[in-house]
Amino acid sequence: MKTVNKNLTTLEEFKEKNYGKIGTKERDELETGYENFKIGALIQDTRLEMGMTQEQLAQKAGTSKSYISKIENNIKEARISTLQKIIELGFGGRLELNIKI
């Protein structure tokens, strides 16, 4: 028989307890910050998989190494137009966006 640890909470329960329900200012800021972090992490992972330096990616995408670093380290948010250049010119890929309601 499986023992249940009553001290464990789900991520959703943790976020709701500490940041409020979806739609509150604090929760929206948390979710937005996470999405920006995810974009930076995806760019860094892809760059490393392709064996590229930040400088090489920046040259291909027409931006600076500093800007790539700031996106990867969640210091700066990437504009969609810049993100598209990084994906298409830098990685040779295609940026796809979708909307969920």
PDB file of N, CA and C in Angstrom:
ATOM      1  N   MET A   1       0.828  -1.179   0.000  1.00  0.00           N
ATOM      2  CA  MET A   1       0.000   0.000   0.000  1.00  0.00           C
ATOM      3  C   MET A   1       0.880   1.253   0.000  1.00  0.00           C
ATOM      4  N   LYS A   2       0.514   2.242  -0.802  1.00  0.00           N
ATOM      5  CA  LYS A   2       1.301   3.454  -0.968  1.00  0.00           C
ATOM      6  C   LYS A   2       1.013   4.449   0.161  1.00  0.00           C
ATOM      7  N   THR A   3       2.072   5.016   0.740  1.00  0.00           N
ATOM      8  CA  THR A   3       1.934   6.006   1.799  1.00  0.00           C
ATOM      9  C   THR A   3       1.827   7.389   1.182  1.00  0.00           C
ATOM     10  N   VAL A   4       0.894   8.190   1.648  1.00  0.00           N
ATOM     11  CA  VAL A   4       0.698   9.540   1.139  1.00  0.00           C
ATOM     12  C   VAL A   4       1.327  10.528   2.113  1.00  0.00           C
ATOM     13  N   ASN A   5       2.181  11.378   1.598  1.00  0.00           N
ATOM     14  CA  ASN A   5       2.812  12.420   2.405  1.00  0.00           C
ATOM     15  C   ASN A   5       1.914  13.646   2.365  1.00  0.00           C
ATOM     16  N   LYS A   6       1.277  13.953   3.486  1.00  0.00           N
ATOM     17  CA  LYS A   6       0.328  15.070   3.540  1.00  0.00           C
ATOM     18  C   LYS A   6       1.010  16.434   3.540  1.00  0.00           C
ATOM     19  N   ASN A   7       2.331  16.468   3.650  1.00  0.00           N
ATOM     20  CA  ASN A   7       3.071  17.731   3.638  1.00  0.00           C
ATOM     21  C   ASN A   7       3.400  18.201   2.226  1.00  0.00           C
ATOM     22  N   LEU A   8       3.186  17.342   1.235  1.00  0.00           N
ATOM     23  CA  LEU A   8       3.489  17.705  -0.149  1.00  0.00           C
ATOM     24  C   LEU A   8       2.340  18.496  -0.762  1.00  0.00           C
ATOM     25  N   THR A   9       2.703  19.469  -1.587  1.00  0.00           N
ATOM     26  CA  THR A   9       1.690  20.213  -2.336  1.00  0.00           C
ATOM     27  C   THR A   9       2.075  20.195  -3.805  1.00  0.00           C
ATOM     28  N   THR A  10       1.107  20.396  -4.648  1.00  0.00           N
ATOM     29  CA  THR A  10       1.389  20.479  -6.079  1.00  0.00           C
ATOM     30  C   THR A  10       1.964  21.859  -6.380  1.00  0.00           C
ATOM     31  N   LEU A  11       2.557  22.002  -7.542  1.00  0.00           N
ATOM     32  CA  LEU A  11       3.083  23.302  -7.962  1.00  0.00           C
ATOM     33  C   LEU A  11       1.950  24.316  -8.043  1.00  0.00           C
ATOM     34  N   GLU A  12       0.816  23.896  -8.565  1.00  0.00           N
ATOM     35  CA  GLU A  12      -0.334  24.794  -8.681  1.00  0.00           C
ATOM     36  C   GLU A  12      -0.790  25.274  -7.302  1.00  0.00           C
ATOM     37  N   GLU A  13      -0.833  24.367  -6.321  1.00  0.00           N
ATOM     38  CA  GLU A  13      -1.222  24.748  -4.954  1.00  0.00           C
ATOM     39  C   GLU A  13      -0.207  25.719  -4.359  1.00  0.00           C
ATOM     40  N   PHE A  14       1.076  25.472  -4.594  1.00  0.00           N
ATOM     41  CA  PHE A  14       2.125  26.361  -4.099  1.00  0.00           C
ATOM     42  C   PHE A  14       1.977  27.760  -4.697  1.00  0.00           C
ATOM     43  N   LYS A  15       1.777  27.821  -6.010  1.00  0.00           N
ATOM     44  CA  LYS A  15       1.650  29.128  -6.665  1.00  0.00           C
ATOM     45  C   LYS A  15       0.420  29.872  -6.166  1.00  0.00           C
ATOM     46  N   GLU A  16      -0.686  29.170  -6.009  1.00  0.00           N
ATOM     47  CA  GLU A  16      -1.910  29.811  -5.543  1.00  0.00           C
ATOM     48  C   GLU A  16      -1.747  30.326  -4.113  1.00  0.00           C
ATOM     49  N   LYS A  17      -1.107  29.538  -3.249  1.00  0.00           N
ATOM     50  CA  LYS A  17      -0.910  29.944  -1.855  1.00  0.00           C
ATOM     51  C   LYS A  17       0.015  31.151  -1.746  1.00  0.00           C
ATOM     52  N   ASN A  18       1.103  31.154  -2.531  1.00  0.00           N
ATOM     53  CA  ASN A  18       2.120  32.192  -2.400  1.00  0.00           C
ATOM     54  C   ASN A  18       1.949  33.383  -3.334  1.00  0.00           C
ATOM     55  N   TYR A  19       1.238  33.195  -4.449  1.00  0.00           N
ATOM     56  CA  TYR A  19       1.112  34.272  -5.439  1.00  0.00           C
ATOM     57  C   TYR A  19      -0.331  34.593  -5.802  1.00  0.00           C
ATOM     58  N   GLY A  20      -1.270  33.852  -5.252  1.00  0.00           N
ATOM     59  CA  GLY A  20      -2.678  34.118  -5.520  1.00  0.00           C
ATOM     60  C   GLY A  20      -3.203  33.337  -6.702  1.00  0.00           C
ATOM     61  N   LYS A  21      -4.468  33.529  -6.945  1.00  0.00           N
ATOM     62  CA  LYS A  21      -5.132  32.835  -8.047  1.00  0.00           C
ATOM     63  C   LYS A  21      -4.748  33.466  -9.380  1.00  0.00           C
ATOM     64  N   ILE A  22      -4.931  32.713 -10.460  1.00  0.00           N
ATOM     65  CA  ILE A  22      -4.674  33.229 -11.802  1.00  0.00           C
ATOM     66  C   ILE A  22      -5.534  34.464 -12.007  1.00  0.00           C
ATOM     67  N   GLY A  23      -4.923  35.518 -12.506  1.00  0.00           N
ATOM     68  CA  GLY A  23      -5.629  36.770 -12.738  1.00  0.00           C
ATOM     69  C   GLY A  23      -5.258  37.863 -11.750  1.00  0.00           C
ATOM     70  N   THR A  24      -4.624  37.482 -10.634  1.00  0.00           N
ATOM     71  CA  THR A  24      -4.165  38.505  -9.707  1.00  0.00           C
ATOM     72  C   THR A  24      -2.843  39.073 -10.217  1.00  0.00           C
ATOM     73  N   LYS A  25      -2.518  40.277  -9.806  1.00  0.00           N
ATOM     74  CA  LYS A  25      -1.296  40.945 -10.286  1.00  0.00           C
ATOM     75  C   LYS A  25      -0.053  40.120  -9.985  1.00  0.00           C
ATOM     76  N   GLU A  26       0.078  39.639  -8.752  1.00  0.00           N
ATOM     77  CA  GLU A  26       1.271  38.884  -8.361  1.00  0.00           C
ATOM     78  C   GLU A  26       1.403  37.595  -9.163  1.00  0.00           C
ATOM     79  N   ARG A  27       0.295  36.915  -9.370  1.00  0.00           N
ATOM     80  CA  ARG A  27       0.330  35.652 -10.109  1.00  0.00           C
ATOM     81  C   ARG A  27       0.660  35.895 -11.577  1.00  0.00           C
ATOM     82  N   ASP A  28       0.066  36.928 -12.159  1.00  0.00           N
ATOM     83  CA  ASP A  28       0.351  37.247 -13.555  1.00  0.00           C
ATOM     84  C   ASP A  28       1.831  37.591 -13.750  1.00  0.00           C
ATOM     85  N   GLU A  29       2.410  38.323 -12.802  1.00  0.00           N
ATOM     86  CA  GLU A  29       3.835  38.651 -12.881  1.00  0.00           C
ATOM     87  C   GLU A  29       4.691  37.390 -12.804  1.00  0.00           C
ATOM     88  N   LEU A  30       4.307  36.470 -11.934  1.00  0.00           N
ATOM     89  CA  LEU A  30       5.028  35.205 -11.816  1.00  0.00           C
ATOM     90  C   LEU A  30       4.974  34.429 -13.124  1.00  0.00           C
ATOM     91  N   GLU A  31       3.797  34.302 -13.697  1.00  0.00           N
ATOM     92  CA  GLU A  31       3.627  33.530 -14.928  1.00  0.00           C
ATOM     93  C   GLU A  31       4.371  34.182 -16.094  1.00  0.00           C
ATOM     94  N   THR A  32       4.336  35.506 -16.188  1.00  0.00           N
ATOM     95  CA  THR A  32       5.054  36.214 -17.249  1.00  0.00           C
ATOM     96  C   THR A  32       6.558  36.018 -17.087  1.00  0.00           C
ATOM     97  N   GLY A  33       7.035  36.131 -15.867  1.00  0.00           N
ATOM     98  CA  GLY A  33       8.458  35.928 -15.606  1.00  0.00           C
ATOM     99  C   GLY A  33       8.907  34.532 -15.979  1.00  0.00           C
ATOM    100  N   TYR A  34       8.052  33.552 -15.708  1.00  0.00           N
ATOM    101  CA  TYR A  34       8.393  32.172 -16.044  1.00  0.00           C
ATOM    102  C   TYR A  34       8.468  31.981 -17.553  1.00  0.00           C
ATOM    103  N   GLU A  35       7.552  32.570 -18.287  1.00  0.00           N
ATOM    104  CA  GLU A  35       7.572  32.451 -19.746  1.00  0.00           C
ATOM    105  C   GLU A  35       8.841  33.065 -20.321  1.00  0.00           C
ATOM    106  N   ASN A  36       9.250  34.212 -19.800  1.00  0.00           N
ATOM    107  CA  ASN A  36      10.489  34.846 -20.262  1.00  0.00           C
ATOM    108  C   ASN A  36      11.704  33.997 -19.920  1.00  0.00           C
ATOM    109  N   PHE A  37      11.708  33.414 -18.735  1.00  0.00           N
ATOM    110  CA  PHE A  37      12.797  32.510 -18.348  1.00  0.00           C
ATOM    111  C   PHE A  37      12.869  31.328 -19.308  1.00  0.00           C
ATOM    112  N   LYS A  38      11.702  30.775 -19.643  1.00  0.00           N
ATOM    113  CA  LYS A  38      11.644  29.616 -20.542  1.00  0.00           C
ATOM    114  C   LYS A  38      12.214  29.949 -21.918  1.00  0.00           C
ATOM    115  N   ILE A  39      11.900  31.116 -22.435  1.00  0.00           N
ATOM    116  CA  ILE A  39      12.408  31.523 -23.752  1.00  0.00           C
ATOM    117  C   ILE A  39      13.932  31.600 -23.716  1.00  0.00           C
ATOM    118  N   GLY A  40      14.479  32.226 -22.688  1.00  0.00           N
ATOM    119  CA  GLY A  40      15.933  32.321 -22.555  1.00  0.00           C
ATOM    120  C   GLY A  40      16.590  30.955 -22.444  1.00  0.00           C
ATOM    121  N   ALA A  41      15.969  30.072 -21.668  1.00  0.00           N
ATOM    122  CA  ALA A  41      16.521  28.721 -21.492  1.00  0.00           C
ATOM    123  C   ALA A  41      16.471  27.940 -22.799  1.00  0.00           C
ATOM    124  N   LEU A  42      15.398  28.089 -23.555  1.00  0.00           N
ATOM    125  CA  LEU A  42      15.289  27.394 -24.848  1.00  0.00           C
ATOM    126  C   LEU A  42      16.338  27.888 -25.835  1.00  0.00           C
ATOM    127  N   ILE A  43      16.564  29.186 -25.856  1.00  0.00           N
ATOM    128  CA  ILE A  43      17.581  29.747 -26.747  1.00  0.00           C
ATOM    129  C   ILE A  43      18.964  29.223 -26.348  1.00  0.00           C
ATOM    130  N   GLN A  44      19.256  29.252 -25.065  1.00  0.00           N
ATOM    131  CA  GLN A  44      20.564  28.775 -24.610  1.00  0.00           C
ATOM    132  C   GLN A  44      20.741  27.288 -24.923  1.00  0.00           C
ATOM    133  N   ASP A  45      19.740  26.472 -24.633  1.00  0.00           N
ATOM    134  CA  ASP A  45      19.833  25.031 -24.909  1.00  0.00           C
ATOM    135  C   ASP A  45      20.055  24.761 -26.389  1.00  0.00           C
ATOM    136  N   THR A  46      19.304  25.458 -27.239  1.00  0.00           N
ATOM    137  CA  THR A  46      19.441  25.261 -28.682  1.00  0.00           C
ATOM    138  C   THR A  46      20.819  25.690 -29.156  1.00  0.00           C
ATOM    139  N   ARG A  47      21.277  26.832 -28.667  1.00  0.00           N
ATOM    140  CA  ARG A  47      22.602  27.341 -29.048  1.00  0.00           C
ATOM    141  C   ARG A  47      23.682  26.336 -28.680  1.00  0.00           C
ATOM    142  N   LEU A  48      23.608  25.813 -27.472  1.00  0.00           N
ATOM    143  CA  LEU A  48      24.609  24.848 -27.021  1.00  0.00           C
ATOM    144  C   LEU A  48      24.526  23.539 -27.811  1.00  0.00           C
ATOM    145  N   GLU A  49      23.324  23.082 -28.103  1.00  0.00           N
ATOM    146  CA  GLU A  49      23.152  21.870 -28.921  1.00  0.00           C
ATOM    147  C   GLU A  49      23.770  22.036 -30.301  1.00  0.00           C
ATOM    148  N   MET A  50      23.701  23.255 -30.824  1.00  0.00           N
ATOM    149  CA  MET A  50      24.254  23.535 -32.147  1.00  0.00           C
ATOM    150  C   MET A  50      25.742  23.857 -32.090  1.00  0.00           C
ATOM    151  N   GLY A  51      26.318  23.868 -30.881  1.00  0.00           N
ATOM    152  CA  GLY A  51      27.743  24.131 -30.724  1.00  0.00           C
ATOM    153  C   GLY A  51      28.133  25.558 -31.043  1.00  0.00           C
ATOM    154  N   MET A  52      27.235  26.494 -30.770  1.00  0.00           N
ATOM    155  CA  MET A  52      27.494  27.901 -31.074  1.00  0.00           C
ATOM    156  C   MET A  52      27.808  28.679 -29.810  1.00  0.00           C
ATOM    157  N   THR A  53      28.628  29.699 -29.968  1.00  0.00           N
ATOM    158  CA  THR A  53      28.860  30.635 -28.874  1.00  0.00           C
ATOM    159  C   THR A  53      27.798  31.730 -28.961  1.00  0.00           C
ATOM    160  N   GLN A  54      27.696  32.512 -27.910  1.00  0.00           N
ATOM    161  CA  GLN A  54      26.771  33.652 -27.944  1.00  0.00           C
ATOM    162  C   GLN A  54      27.186  34.628 -29.039  1.00  0.00           C
ATOM    163  N   GLU A  55      28.479  34.809 -29.204  1.00  0.00           N
ATOM    164  CA  GLU A  55      28.995  35.712 -30.236  1.00  0.00           C
ATOM    165  C   GLU A  55      28.588  35.240 -31.636  1.00  0.00           C
ATOM    166  N   GLN A  56      28.719  33.941 -31.896  1.00  0.00           N
ATOM    167  CA  GLN A  56      28.341  33.405 -33.204  1.00  0.00           C
ATOM    168  C   GLN A  56      26.849  33.573 -33.465  1.00  0.00           C
ATOM    169  N   LEU A  57      26.044  33.281 -32.457  1.00  0.00           N
ATOM    170  CA  LEU A  57      24.597  33.443 -32.618  1.00  0.00           C
ATOM    171  C   LEU A  57      24.245  34.901 -32.846  1.00  0.00           C
ATOM    172  N   ALA A  58      24.862  35.790 -32.101  1.00  0.00           N
ATOM    173  CA  ALA A  58      24.605  37.221 -32.241  1.00  0.00           C
ATOM    174  C   ALA A  58      24.948  37.713 -33.645  1.00  0.00           C
ATOM    175  N   GLN A  59      26.090  37.281 -34.182  1.00  0.00           N
ATOM    176  CA  GLN A  59      26.483  37.693 -35.531  1.00  0.00           C
ATOM    177  C   GLN A  59      25.471  37.232 -36.565  1.00  0.00           C
ATOM    178  N   LYS A  60      25.030  35.975 -36.464  1.00  0.00           N
ATOM    179  CA  LYS A  60      24.056  35.445 -37.424  1.00  0.00           C
ATOM    180  C   LYS A  60      22.714  36.148 -37.317  1.00  0.00           C
ATOM    181  N   ALA A  61      22.311  36.502 -36.088  1.00  0.00           N
ATOM    182  CA  ALA A  61      21.005  37.108 -35.872  1.00  0.00           C
ATOM    183  C   ALA A  61      21.017  38.628 -36.023  1.00  0.00           C
ATOM    184  N   GLY A  62      22.207  39.201 -36.165  1.00  0.00           N
ATOM    185  CA  GLY A  62      22.307  40.648 -36.340  1.00  0.00           C
ATOM    186  C   GLY A  62      22.083  41.425 -35.047  1.00  0.00           C
ATOM    187  N   THR A  63      22.557  40.863 -33.951  1.00  0.00           N
ATOM    188  CA  THR A  63      22.444  41.544 -32.664  1.00  0.00           C
ATOM    189  C   THR A  63      23.785  41.425 -31.935  1.00  0.00           C
ATOM    190  N   SER A  64      23.812  41.761 -30.669  1.00  0.00           N
ATOM    191  CA  SER A  64      25.082  41.714 -29.933  1.00  0.00           C
ATOM    192  C   SER A  64      25.138  40.507 -28.998  1.00  0.00           C
ATOM    193  N   LYS A  65      26.357  40.118 -28.658  1.00  0.00           N
ATOM    194  CA  LYS A  65      26.578  39.035 -27.703  1.00  0.00           C
ATOM    195  C   LYS A  65      25.936  39.395 -26.371  1.00  0.00           C
ATOM    196  N   SER A  66      26.053  40.645 -25.984  1.00  0.00           N
ATOM    197  CA  SER A  66      25.489  41.131 -24.731  1.00  0.00           C
ATOM    198  C   SER A  66      23.971  40.926 -24.695  1.00  0.00           C
ATOM    199  N   TYR A  67      23.309  41.204 -25.805  1.00  0.00           N
ATOM    200  CA  TYR A  67      21.853  41.049 -25.874  1.00  0.00           C
ATOM    201  C   TYR A  67      21.460  39.582 -25.762  1.00  0.00           C
ATOM    202  N   ILE A  68      22.186  38.701 -26.439  1.00  0.00           N
ATOM    203  CA  ILE A  68      21.923  37.259 -26.352  1.00  0.00           C
ATOM    204  C   ILE A  68      22.103  36.803 -24.907  1.00  0.00           C
ATOM    205  N   SER A  69      23.159  37.249 -24.260  1.00  0.00           N
ATOM    206  CA  SER A  69      23.425  36.895 -22.871  1.00  0.00           C
ATOM    207  C   SER A  69      22.293  37.358 -21.952  1.00  0.00           C
ATOM    208  N   LYS A  70      21.818  38.569 -22.168  1.00  0.00           N
ATOM    209  CA  LYS A  70      20.743  39.108 -21.335  1.00  0.00           C
ATOM    210  C   LYS A  70      19.443  38.321 -21.512  1.00  0.00           C
ATOM    211  N   ILE A  71      19.158  37.882 -22.715  1.00  0.00           N
ATOM    212  CA  ILE A  71      17.963  37.066 -22.950  1.00  0.00           C
ATOM    213  C   ILE A  71      18.125  35.706 -22.270  1.00  0.00           C
ATOM    214  N   GLU A  72      19.276  35.079 -22.468  1.00  0.00           N
ATOM    215  CA  GLU A  72      19.520  33.758 -21.881  1.00  0.00           C
ATOM    216  C   GLU A  72      19.500  33.784 -20.356  1.00  0.00           C
ATOM    217  N   ASN A  73      19.903  34.898 -19.767  1.00  0.00           N
ATOM    218  CA  ASN A  73      19.970  35.005 -18.313  1.00  0.00           C
ATOM    219  C   ASN A  73      18.762  35.724 -17.711  1.00  0.00           C
ATOM    220  N   ASN A  74      17.710  35.877 -18.509  1.00  0.00           N
ATOM    221  CA  ASN A  74      16.446  36.453 -18.061  1.00  0.00           C
ATOM    222  C   ASN A  74      16.602  37.863 -17.492  1.00  0.00           C
ATOM    223  N   ILE A  75      17.533  38.622 -18.088  1.00  0.00           N
ATOM    224  CA  ILE A  75      17.733  40.003 -17.675  1.00  0.00           C
ATOM    225  C   ILE A  75      16.920  40.932 -18.583  1.00  0.00           C
ATOM    226  N   LYS A  76      16.742  40.507 -19.811  1.00  0.00           N
ATOM    227  CA  LYS A  76      16.030  41.318 -20.792  1.00  0.00           C
ATOM    228  C   LYS A  76      15.040  40.433 -21.536  1.00  0.00           C
ATOM    229  N   GLU A  77      13.865  40.998 -21.835  1.00  0.00           N
ATOM    230  CA  GLU A  77      12.867  40.283 -22.621  1.00  0.00           C
ATOM    231  C   GLU A  77      13.160  40.491 -24.101  1.00  0.00           C
ATOM    232  N   ALA A  78      13.024  39.430 -24.873  1.00  0.00           N
ATOM    233  CA  ALA A  78      13.239  39.532 -26.311  1.00  0.00           C
ATOM    234  C   ALA A  78      11.955  39.981 -26.988  1.00  0.00           C
ATOM    235  N   ARG A  79      12.082  40.945 -27.884  1.00  0.00           N
ATOM    236  CA  ARG A  79      10.936  41.327 -28.710  1.00  0.00           C
ATOM    237  C   ARG A  79      10.668  40.201 -29.694  1.00  0.00           C
ATOM    238  N   ILE A  80       9.443  40.082 -30.125  1.00  0.00           N
ATOM    239  CA  ILE A  80       9.085  39.004 -31.049  1.00  0.00           C
ATOM    240  C   ILE A  80       9.903  39.116 -32.334  1.00  0.00           C
ATOM    241  N   SER A  81      10.118  40.311 -32.822  1.00  0.00           N
ATOM    242  CA  SER A  81      10.893  40.478 -34.063  1.00  0.00           C
ATOM    243  C   SER A  81      12.337  39.999 -33.871  1.00  0.00           C
ATOM    244  N   THR A  82      12.912  40.282 -32.706  1.00  0.00           N
ATOM    245  CA  THR A  82      14.272  39.822 -32.423  1.00  0.00           C
ATOM    246  C   THR A  82      14.302  38.321 -32.215  1.00  0.00           C
ATOM    247  N   LEU A  83      13.321  37.809 -31.513  1.00  0.00           N
ATOM    248  CA  LEU A  83      13.224  36.364 -31.308  1.00  0.00           C
ATOM    249  C   LEU A  83      13.130  35.642 -32.651  1.00  0.00           C
ATOM    250  N   GLN A  84      12.373  36.210 -33.559  1.00  0.00           N
ATOM    251  CA  GLN A  84      12.239  35.629 -34.899  1.00  0.00           C
ATOM    252  C   GLN A  84      13.591  35.619 -35.617  1.00  0.00           C
ATOM    253  N   LYS A  85      14.359  36.680 -35.513  1.00  0.00           N
ATOM    254  CA  LYS A  85      15.688  36.728 -36.141  1.00  0.00           C
ATOM    255  C   LYS A  85      16.622  35.693 -35.526  1.00  0.00           C
ATOM    256  N   ILE A  86      16.570  35.559 -34.195  1.00  0.00           N
ATOM    257  CA  ILE A  86      17.428  34.577 -33.527  1.00  0.00           C
ATOM    258  C   ILE A  86      17.100  33.175 -34.020  1.00  0.00           C
ATOM    259  N   ILE A  87      15.821  32.861 -34.093  1.00  0.00           N
ATOM    260  CA  ILE A  87      15.396  31.522 -34.503  1.00  0.00           C
ATOM    261  C   ILE A  87      15.680  31.280 -35.982  1.00  0.00           C
ATOM    262  N   GLU A  88      15.285  32.220 -36.826  1.00  0.00           N
ATOM    263  CA  GLU A  88      15.403  32.016 -38.271  1.00  0.00           C
ATOM    264  C   GLU A  88      16.821  32.230 -38.796  1.00  0.00           C
ATOM    265  N   LEU A  89      17.423  33.362 -38.474  1.00  0.00           N
ATOM    266  CA  LEU A  89      18.761  33.653 -38.992  1.00  0.00           C
ATOM    267  C   LEU A  89      19.853  32.953 -38.179  1.00  0.00           C
ATOM    268  N   GLY A  90      19.678  32.941 -36.870  1.00  0.00           N
ATOM    269  CA  GLY A  90      20.691  32.355 -36.002  1.00  0.00           C
ATOM    270  C   GLY A  90      20.699  30.841 -36.011  1.00  0.00           C
ATOM    271  N   PHE A  91      19.500  30.239 -35.933  1.00  0.00           N
ATOM    272  CA  PHE A  91      19.406  28.782 -35.849  1.00  0.00           C
ATOM    273  C   PHE A  91      18.965  28.122 -37.150  1.00  0.00           C
ATOM    274  N   GLY A  92      18.484  28.910 -38.102  1.00  0.00           N
ATOM    275  CA  GLY A  92      17.980  28.320 -39.337  1.00  0.00           C
ATOM    276  C   GLY A  92      16.647  27.614 -39.133  1.00  0.00           C
ATOM    277  N   GLY A  93      15.918  28.036 -38.127  1.00  0.00           N
ATOM    278  CA  GLY A  93      14.628  27.421 -37.812  1.00  0.00           C
ATOM    279  C   GLY A  93      13.479  28.333 -38.180  1.00  0.00           C
ATOM    280  N   ARG A  94      12.339  28.028 -37.598  1.00  0.00           N
ATOM    281  CA  ARG A  94      11.141  28.809 -37.862  1.00  0.00           C
ATOM    282  C   ARG A  94      10.407  29.027 -36.541  1.00  0.00           C
ATOM    283  N   LEU A  95      10.061  30.251 -36.240  1.00  0.00           N
ATOM    284  CA  LEU A  95       9.332  30.586 -35.019  1.00  0.00           C
ATOM    285  C   LEU A  95       7.853  30.362 -35.265  1.00  0.00           C
ATOM    286  N   GLU A  96       7.219  29.586 -34.397  1.00  0.00           N
ATOM    287  CA  GLU A  96       5.787  29.355 -34.474  1.00  0.00           C
ATOM    288  C   GLU A  96       5.147  29.824 -33.198  1.00  0.00           C
ATOM    289  N   LEU A  97       4.107  30.613 -33.309  1.00  0.00           N
ATOM    290  CA  LEU A  97       3.369  31.100 -32.147  1.00  0.00           C
ATOM    291  C   LEU A  97       1.955  30.562 -32.205  1.00  0.00           C
ATOM    292  N   ASN A  98       1.364  30.382 -31.044  1.00  0.00           N
ATOM    293  CA  ASN A  98      -0.051  30.027 -31.020  1.00  0.00           C
ATOM    294  C   ASN A  98      -0.712  30.710 -29.858  1.00  0.00           C
ATOM    295  N   ILE A  99      -2.006  30.819 -29.935  1.00  0.00           N
ATOM    296  CA  ILE A  99      -2.788  31.463 -28.901  1.00  0.00           C
ATOM    297  C   ILE A  99      -3.722  30.432 -28.303  1.00  0.00           C
ATOM    298  N   LYS A 100      -3.723  30.360 -26.964  1.00  0.00           N
ATOM    299  CA  LYS A 100      -4.624  29.452 -26.259  1.00  0.00           C
ATOM    300  C   LYS A 100      -5.598  30.291 -25.462  1.00  0.00           C
ATOM    301  N   ILE A 101      -6.842  29.979 -25.577  1.00  0.00           N
ATOM    302  CA  ILE A 101      -7.878  30.716 -24.825  1.00  0.00           C
ATOM    303  C   ILE A 101      -8.589  29.761 -23.901  1.00  0.00           C
TER     304      ILE A 101
END
